[in-house]
């Protein structure tokens, strides 16, 4: 099986082509911060070129669904669903927390993992996973104090996986595992754990005119 994985949930705009028999075939990564929508297709094209792969050679699309940047996640998920529809292949969503935990567990197997992403506004996103990768605490947004309590309650054997996103091939590997057990997954959807940071800018609102 040959997959295209894309990740726009954080600063990176990343794509890679992954073969379940041969491993990673090629990738392209830009550190953007913003502007994923303008660059993602170009990054995908570069990854396909590096892998010597055409769109028609793909068997599935993997995408990071967050939590992360609201705009970035939306861009990635929409692109993944559009490509999957056009190519008539499945699209698989993988959460950033799940990918971070997998990456840490891959480096130090045999331990449960708590994945943590700093969310700003005095909060963190967290999720817990067993030593074999099964979810044991669903993704949630907590205050920083509550996040520390969450981690302490997890026990001394737990590993902490922190960051903003995982290495791009991790998303492909996780998606391949998911497809092996469910070849017709649900369409990926953004994982939002709180409202968007963007707020109406009252300073730009014009005062209402009153009748004389």
C-alpha atoms as a PDB file:
ATOM      1  CA  UNK A   1       0.000   0.000   0.000  1.00  0.00           C
ATOM      2  CA  UNK A   2       1.285   3.451  -0.905  1.00  0.00           C
ATOM      3  CA  UNK A   3       0.071   6.438   1.110  1.00  0.00           C
ATOM      4  CA  UNK A   4       0.438  10.188   0.918  1.00  0.00           C
ATOM      5  CA  UNK A   5       0.585  11.775   4.380  1.00  0.00           C
ATOM      6  CA  UNK A   6       0.101  15.506   4.915  1.00  0.00           C
ATOM      7  CA  UNK A   7       0.415  17.612   8.045  1.00  0.00           C
ATOM      8  CA  UNK A   8      -0.536  21.262   8.399  1.00  0.00           C
ATOM      9  CA  UNK A   9      -1.614  21.239  12.050  1.00  0.00           C
ATOM     10  CA  UNK A  10       1.316  23.341  13.303  1.00  0.00           C
ATOM     11  CA  UNK A  11       4.076  25.491  11.783  1.00  0.00           C
ATOM     12  CA  UNK A  12       5.171  22.851   9.309  1.00  0.00           C
ATOM     13  CA  UNK A  13       3.632  22.231   5.914  1.00  0.00           C
ATOM     14  CA  UNK A  14       4.739  18.655   5.364  1.00  0.00           C
ATOM     15  CA  UNK A  15       4.019  15.758   3.033  1.00  0.00           C
ATOM     16  CA  UNK A  16       5.551  12.360   2.473  1.00  0.00           C
ATOM     17  CA  UNK A  17       4.946   9.263   0.399  1.00  0.00           C
ATOM     18  CA  UNK A  18       5.085   6.032   2.385  1.00  0.00           C
ATOM     19  CA  UNK A  19       5.014   2.443   1.162  1.00  0.00           C
ATOM     20  CA  UNK A  20       4.016  -0.215   3.690  1.00  0.00           C
ATOM     21  CA  UNK A  21       6.602  -2.600   2.217  1.00  0.00           C
ATOM     22  CA  UNK A  22       9.456  -0.222   1.367  1.00  0.00           C
ATOM     23  CA  UNK A  23       8.998   2.528   3.970  1.00  0.00           C
ATOM     24  CA  UNK A  24       9.254   6.242   3.248  1.00  0.00           C
ATOM     25  CA  UNK A  25       9.916   7.031  -0.406  1.00  0.00           C
ATOM     26  CA  UNK A  26      10.152  10.812  -0.378  1.00  0.00           C
ATOM     27  CA  UNK A  27       9.097  13.932   1.467  1.00  0.00           C
ATOM     28  CA  UNK A  28       8.885  17.722   1.337  1.00  0.00           C
ATOM     29  CA  UNK A  29       8.664  20.036   4.353  1.00  0.00           C
ATOM     30  CA  UNK A  30       8.355  23.801   4.738  1.00  0.00           C
ATOM     31  CA  UNK A  31       8.483  25.644   8.076  1.00  0.00           C
ATOM     32  CA  UNK A  32       5.852  28.285   7.407  1.00  0.00           C
ATOM     33  CA  UNK A  33       4.022  29.253  10.554  1.00  0.00           C
ATOM     34  CA  UNK A  34       1.157  30.465   8.367  1.00  0.00           C
ATOM     35  CA  UNK A  35       0.140  30.279   4.735  1.00  0.00           C
ATOM     36  CA  UNK A  36      -0.418  26.529   4.460  1.00  0.00           C
ATOM     37  CA  UNK A  37      -3.220  26.941   1.927  1.00  0.00           C
ATOM     38  CA  UNK A  38      -0.933  28.699  -0.555  1.00  0.00           C
ATOM     39  CA  UNK A  39       1.877  26.134  -0.300  1.00  0.00           C
ATOM     40  CA  UNK A  40       0.359  22.727   0.461  1.00  0.00           C
ATOM     41  CA  UNK A  41      -0.247  21.529  -3.102  1.00  0.00           C
ATOM     42  CA  UNK A  42       3.293  22.535  -4.055  1.00  0.00           C
ATOM     43  CA  UNK A  43       4.676  20.633  -1.071  1.00  0.00           C
ATOM     44  CA  UNK A  44       2.622  17.573  -2.036  1.00  0.00           C
ATOM     45  CA  UNK A  45       3.890  17.776  -5.621  1.00  0.00           C
ATOM     46  CA  UNK A  46       7.483  17.997  -4.362  1.00  0.00           C
ATOM     47  CA  UNK A  47       6.997  14.952  -2.112  1.00  0.00           C
ATOM     48  CA  UNK A  48       5.510  12.936  -4.981  1.00  0.00           C
ATOM     49  CA  UNK A  49       8.390  13.964  -7.239  1.00  0.00           C
ATOM     50  CA  UNK A  50      10.957  12.984  -4.601  1.00  0.00           C
ATOM     51  CA  UNK A  51       9.255   9.603  -4.282  1.00  0.00           C
ATOM     52  CA  UNK A  52       8.960   9.033  -8.023  1.00  0.00           C
ATOM     53  CA  UNK A  53       5.234   8.617  -7.501  1.00  0.00           C
ATOM     54  CA  UNK A  54       2.197   9.892  -9.393  1.00  0.00           C
ATOM     55  CA  UNK A  55      -1.143  10.747  -7.846  1.00  0.00           C
ATOM     56  CA  UNK A  56      -2.668   7.693  -9.529  1.00  0.00           C
ATOM     57  CA  UNK A  57      -0.169   5.453  -7.710  1.00  0.00           C
ATOM     58  CA  UNK A  58      -1.606   6.377  -4.289  1.00  0.00           C
ATOM     59  CA  UNK A  59      -3.796   3.958  -2.365  1.00  0.00           C
ATOM     60  CA  UNK A  60      -4.755   6.254   0.521  1.00  0.00           C
ATOM     61  CA  UNK A  61      -4.359   9.724   1.997  1.00  0.00           C
ATOM     62  CA  UNK A  62      -3.368  10.341   5.627  1.00  0.00           C
ATOM     63  CA  UNK A  63      -3.832  13.695   7.328  1.00  0.00           C
ATOM     64  CA  UNK A  64      -3.239  15.253  10.727  1.00  0.00           C
ATOM     65  CA  UNK A  65      -6.583  16.362  12.157  1.00  0.00           C
ATOM     66  CA  UNK A  66      -5.316  18.326  15.170  1.00  0.00           C
ATOM     67  CA  UNK A  67      -5.569  19.626  17.740  1.00  0.00           C
ATOM     68  CA  UNK A  68      -3.436  22.459  16.453  1.00  0.00           C
ATOM     69  CA  UNK A  69      -3.831  25.513  14.271  1.00  0.00           C
ATOM     70  CA  UNK A  70      -7.514  25.949  13.420  1.00  0.00           C
ATOM     71  CA  UNK A  71      -6.767  27.237   9.924  1.00  0.00           C
ATOM     72  CA  UNK A  72      -3.947  24.779   9.275  1.00  0.00           C
ATOM     73  CA  UNK A  73      -6.005  21.767  10.331  1.00  0.00           C
ATOM     74  CA  UNK A  74      -8.925  22.890   8.189  1.00  0.00           C
ATOM     75  CA  UNK A  75      -6.664  23.297   5.133  1.00  0.00           C
ATOM     76  CA  UNK A  76      -5.091  19.870   5.580  1.00  0.00           C
ATOM     77  CA  UNK A  77      -8.347  18.019   6.147  1.00  0.00           C
ATOM     78  CA  UNK A  78     -10.089  19.695   3.211  1.00  0.00           C
ATOM     79  CA  UNK A  79      -7.169  18.898   0.907  1.00  0.00           C
ATOM     80  CA  UNK A  80      -7.023  15.279   2.046  1.00  0.00           C
ATOM     81  CA  UNK A  81     -10.740  14.781   1.517  1.00  0.00           C
ATOM     82  CA  UNK A  82     -10.605  16.439  -1.893  1.00  0.00           C
ATOM     83  CA  UNK A  83      -7.701  14.288  -3.061  1.00  0.00           C
ATOM     84  CA  UNK A  84      -9.328  11.122  -1.727  1.00  0.00           C
ATOM     85  CA  UNK A  85     -12.538  11.932  -3.569  1.00  0.00           C
ATOM     86  CA  UNK A  86     -10.732  12.684  -6.822  1.00  0.00           C
ATOM     87  CA  UNK A  87      -8.528   9.588  -6.632  1.00  0.00           C
ATOM     88  CA  UNK A  88     -11.271   7.313  -5.245  1.00  0.00           C
ATOM     89  CA  UNK A  89      -9.104   6.204  -2.321  1.00  0.00           C
ATOM     90  CA  UNK A  90      -9.739   6.347   1.445  1.00  0.00           C
ATOM     91  CA  UNK A  91      -8.637   9.288   3.591  1.00  0.00           C
ATOM     92  CA  UNK A  92      -7.557   8.601   7.163  1.00  0.00           C
ATOM     93  CA  UNK A  93      -7.345  11.115   9.994  1.00  0.00           C
ATOM     94  CA  UNK A  94      -4.646  10.885  12.674  1.00  0.00           C
ATOM     95  CA  UNK A  95      -4.596  13.210  15.667  1.00  0.00           C
ATOM     96  CA  UNK A  96      -1.441  15.135  16.522  1.00  0.00           C
ATOM     97  CA  UNK A  97      -1.628  13.800  20.084  1.00  0.00           C
ATOM     98  CA  UNK A  98      -1.824  10.224  18.820  1.00  0.00           C
ATOM     99  CA  UNK A  99       1.145  10.812  16.515  1.00  0.00           C
ATOM    100  CA  UNK A 100       3.264  12.421  19.238  1.00  0.00           C
ATOM    101  CA  UNK A 101       2.552   9.491  21.566  1.00  0.00           C
ATOM    102  CA  UNK A 102       3.424   6.957  18.854  1.00  0.00           C
ATOM    103  CA  UNK A 103       6.692   8.742  18.120  1.00  0.00           C
ATOM    104  CA  UNK A 104       7.726   8.713  21.789  1.00  0.00           C
ATOM    105  CA  UNK A 105       6.621   5.123  22.314  1.00  0.00           C
ATOM    106  CA  UNK A 106       8.543   4.072  19.208  1.00  0.00           C
ATOM    107  CA  UNK A 107      11.723   5.511  20.749  1.00  0.00           C
ATOM    108  CA  UNK A 108      11.083   4.039  24.215  1.00  0.00           C
ATOM    109  CA  UNK A 109       8.704   1.074  23.939  1.00  0.00           C
ATOM    110  CA  UNK A 110       6.969  -0.578  26.853  1.00  0.00           C
ATOM    111  CA  UNK A 111       5.595   2.520  28.584  1.00  0.00           C
ATOM    112  CA  UNK A 112       2.260   4.314  28.671  1.00  0.00           C
ATOM    113  CA  UNK A 113       2.431   7.799  27.183  1.00  0.00           C
ATOM    114  CA  UNK A 114       0.754  11.120  27.867  1.00  0.00           C
ATOM    115  CA  UNK A 115       0.895  13.404  24.814  1.00  0.00           C
ATOM    116  CA  UNK A 116       0.851  17.130  25.522  1.00  0.00           C
ATOM    117  CA  UNK A 117       0.618  20.149  23.238  1.00  0.00           C
ATOM    118  CA  UNK A 118       0.809  23.692  24.589  1.00  0.00           C
ATOM    119  CA  UNK A 119      -2.430  25.347  23.518  1.00  0.00           C
ATOM    120  CA  UNK A 120      -1.878  28.956  24.637  1.00  0.00           C
ATOM    121  CA  UNK A 121      -4.374  30.944  26.701  1.00  0.00           C
ATOM    122  CA  UNK A 122      -3.140  29.109  29.810  1.00  0.00           C
ATOM    123  CA  UNK A 123      -4.148  25.686  28.494  1.00  0.00           C
ATOM    124  CA  UNK A 124      -2.680  22.450  27.169  1.00  0.00           C
ATOM    125  CA  UNK A 125      -4.103  19.665  25.022  1.00  0.00           C
ATOM    126  CA  UNK A 126      -3.562  16.178  26.442  1.00  0.00           C
ATOM    127  CA  UNK A 127      -4.386  12.545  25.735  1.00  0.00           C
ATOM    128  CA  UNK A 128      -3.276   9.282  27.335  1.00  0.00           C
ATOM    129  CA  UNK A 129      -2.241   6.026  25.655  1.00  0.00           C
ATOM    130  CA  UNK A 130      -1.340   2.589  26.992  1.00  0.00           C
ATOM    131  CA  UNK A 131       2.016   0.907  26.367  1.00  0.00           C
ATOM    132  CA  UNK A 132       0.572  -0.777  23.260  1.00  0.00           C
ATOM    133  CA  UNK A 133      -0.942   2.432  21.913  1.00  0.00           C
ATOM    134  CA  UNK A 134      -4.551   2.011  22.970  1.00  0.00           C
ATOM    135  CA  UNK A 135      -6.245   5.285  24.010  1.00  0.00           C
ATOM    136  CA  UNK A 136      -6.888   5.391  27.770  1.00  0.00           C
ATOM    137  CA  UNK A 137      -7.677   9.099  28.165  1.00  0.00           C
ATOM    138  CA  UNK A 138      -9.513  10.956  25.412  1.00  0.00           C
ATOM    139  CA  UNK A 139      -8.071  14.209  23.995  1.00  0.00           C
ATOM    140  CA  UNK A 140      -8.986  17.195  26.139  1.00  0.00           C
ATOM    141  CA  UNK A 141      -8.069  20.826  26.787  1.00  0.00           C
ATOM    142  CA  UNK A 142      -7.060  21.548  30.392  1.00  0.00           C
ATOM    143  CA  UNK A 143      -5.688  24.460  32.344  1.00  0.00           C
ATOM    144  CA  UNK A 144      -1.931  24.249  32.907  1.00  0.00           C
ATOM    145  CA  UNK A 145      -2.468  23.389  36.568  1.00  0.00           C
ATOM    146  CA  UNK A 146      -4.940  20.648  35.691  1.00  0.00           C
ATOM    147  CA  UNK A 147      -2.578  19.353  33.013  1.00  0.00           C
ATOM    148  CA  UNK A 148       0.143  18.901  35.628  1.00  0.00           C
ATOM    149  CA  UNK A 149      -2.311  17.067  37.892  1.00  0.00           C
ATOM    150  CA  UNK A 150      -3.286  14.856  34.932  1.00  0.00           C
ATOM    151  CA  UNK A 151       0.357  13.920  34.301  1.00  0.00           C
ATOM    152  CA  UNK A 152       1.119  13.233  37.977  1.00  0.00           C
ATOM    153  CA  UNK A 153      -1.963  11.007  38.248  1.00  0.00           C
ATOM    154  CA  UNK A 154      -0.744   8.959  35.269  1.00  0.00           C
ATOM    155  CA  UNK A 155       2.006   7.434  37.433  1.00  0.00           C
ATOM    156  CA  UNK A 156       5.810   7.287  37.497  1.00  0.00           C
ATOM    157  CA  UNK A 157       6.122   4.881  34.557  1.00  0.00           C
ATOM    158  CA  UNK A 158       4.424   7.201  32.079  1.00  0.00           C
ATOM    159  CA  UNK A 159       6.378   8.940  29.322  1.00  0.00           C
ATOM    160  CA  UNK A 160       5.564  12.504  28.293  1.00  0.00           C
ATOM    161  CA  UNK A 161       5.419  13.268  24.571  1.00  0.00           C
ATOM    162  CA  UNK A 162       5.427  17.023  24.103  1.00  0.00           C
ATOM    163  CA  UNK A 163       5.672  19.187  21.019  1.00  0.00           C
ATOM    164  CA  UNK A 164       3.393  20.628  18.361  1.00  0.00           C
ATOM    165  CA  UNK A 165       3.364  17.775  15.849  1.00  0.00           C
ATOM    166  CA  UNK A 166       5.127  14.530  15.047  1.00  0.00           C
ATOM    167  CA  UNK A 167       7.523  13.621  12.283  1.00  0.00           C
ATOM    168  CA  UNK A 168       5.556  13.366   9.030  1.00  0.00           C
ATOM    169  CA  UNK A 169       6.136   9.646   8.373  1.00  0.00           C
ATOM    170  CA  UNK A 170       4.515   8.840  11.730  1.00  0.00           C
ATOM    171  CA  UNK A 171       1.152   9.947  10.316  1.00  0.00           C
ATOM    172  CA  UNK A 172       1.581   7.597   7.375  1.00  0.00           C
ATOM    173  CA  UNK A 173       2.534   4.656   9.595  1.00  0.00           C
ATOM    174  CA  UNK A 174      -0.432   5.197  11.899  1.00  0.00           C
ATOM    175  CA  UNK A 175      -2.802   5.574   8.955  1.00  0.00           C
ATOM    176  CA  UNK A 176      -1.543   2.307   7.483  1.00  0.00           C
ATOM    177  CA  UNK A 177      -2.277   0.568  10.778  1.00  0.00           C
ATOM    178  CA  UNK A 178      -5.766   2.016  10.877  1.00  0.00           C
ATOM    179  CA  UNK A 179      -6.478   0.928   7.303  1.00  0.00           C
ATOM    180  CA  UNK A 180      -5.308  -2.600   8.074  1.00  0.00           C
ATOM    181  CA  UNK A 181      -8.144  -2.945  10.594  1.00  0.00           C
ATOM    182  CA  UNK A 182     -10.700  -0.705   8.876  1.00  0.00           C
ATOM    183  CA  UNK A 183     -10.263  -0.381   5.084  1.00  0.00           C
ATOM    184  CA  UNK A 184     -13.264   1.961   4.850  1.00  0.00           C
ATOM    185  CA  UNK A 185     -12.682   4.557   7.580  1.00  0.00           C
ATOM    186  CA  UNK A 186     -14.858   7.551   8.286  1.00  0.00           C
ATOM    187  CA  UNK A 187     -13.911  10.731   6.473  1.00  0.00           C
ATOM    188  CA  UNK A 188     -11.363  12.732   8.480  1.00  0.00           C
ATOM    189  CA  UNK A 189     -12.678  15.739  10.383  1.00  0.00           C
ATOM    190  CA  UNK A 190     -10.841  18.440  12.360  1.00  0.00           C
ATOM    191  CA  UNK A 191     -10.342  17.668  16.042  1.00  0.00           C
ATOM    192  CA  UNK A 192     -11.169  20.942  17.786  1.00  0.00           C
ATOM    193  CA  UNK A 193     -10.964  20.886  21.581  1.00  0.00           C
ATOM    194  CA  UNK A 194     -11.957  24.528  22.098  1.00  0.00           C
ATOM    195  CA  UNK A 195     -13.292  27.530  20.218  1.00  0.00           C
ATOM    196  CA  UNK A 196     -11.107  29.379  17.740  1.00  0.00           C
ATOM    197  CA  UNK A 197      -8.636  31.914  19.099  1.00  0.00           C
ATOM    198  CA  UNK A 198      -9.788  34.525  16.594  1.00  0.00           C
ATOM    199  CA  UNK A 199     -12.230  37.035  18.051  1.00  0.00           C
ATOM    200  CA  UNK A 200     -14.169  39.903  16.473  1.00  0.00           C
ATOM    201  CA  UNK A 201     -12.075  43.062  16.550  1.00  0.00           C
ATOM    202  CA  UNK A 202     -14.336  45.607  18.174  1.00  0.00           C
ATOM    203  CA  UNK A 203     -11.801  48.357  17.586  1.00  0.00           C
ATOM    204  CA  UNK A 204     -12.684  48.283  13.899  1.00  0.00           C
ATOM    205  CA  UNK A 205     -16.437  48.464  14.435  1.00  0.00           C
ATOM    206  CA  UNK A 206     -17.988  51.766  13.463  1.00  0.00           C
ATOM    207  CA  UNK A 207     -20.304  53.400  16.001  1.00  0.00           C
ATOM    208  CA  UNK A 208     -23.943  53.463  15.114  1.00  0.00           C
ATOM    209  CA  UNK A 209     -25.319  56.760  13.973  1.00  0.00           C
ATOM    210  CA  UNK A 210     -28.076  58.150  16.110  1.00  0.00           C
ATOM    211  CA  UNK A 211     -30.904  60.174  14.743  1.00  0.00           C
ATOM    212  CA  UNK A 212     -30.620  63.903  15.445  1.00  0.00           C
END
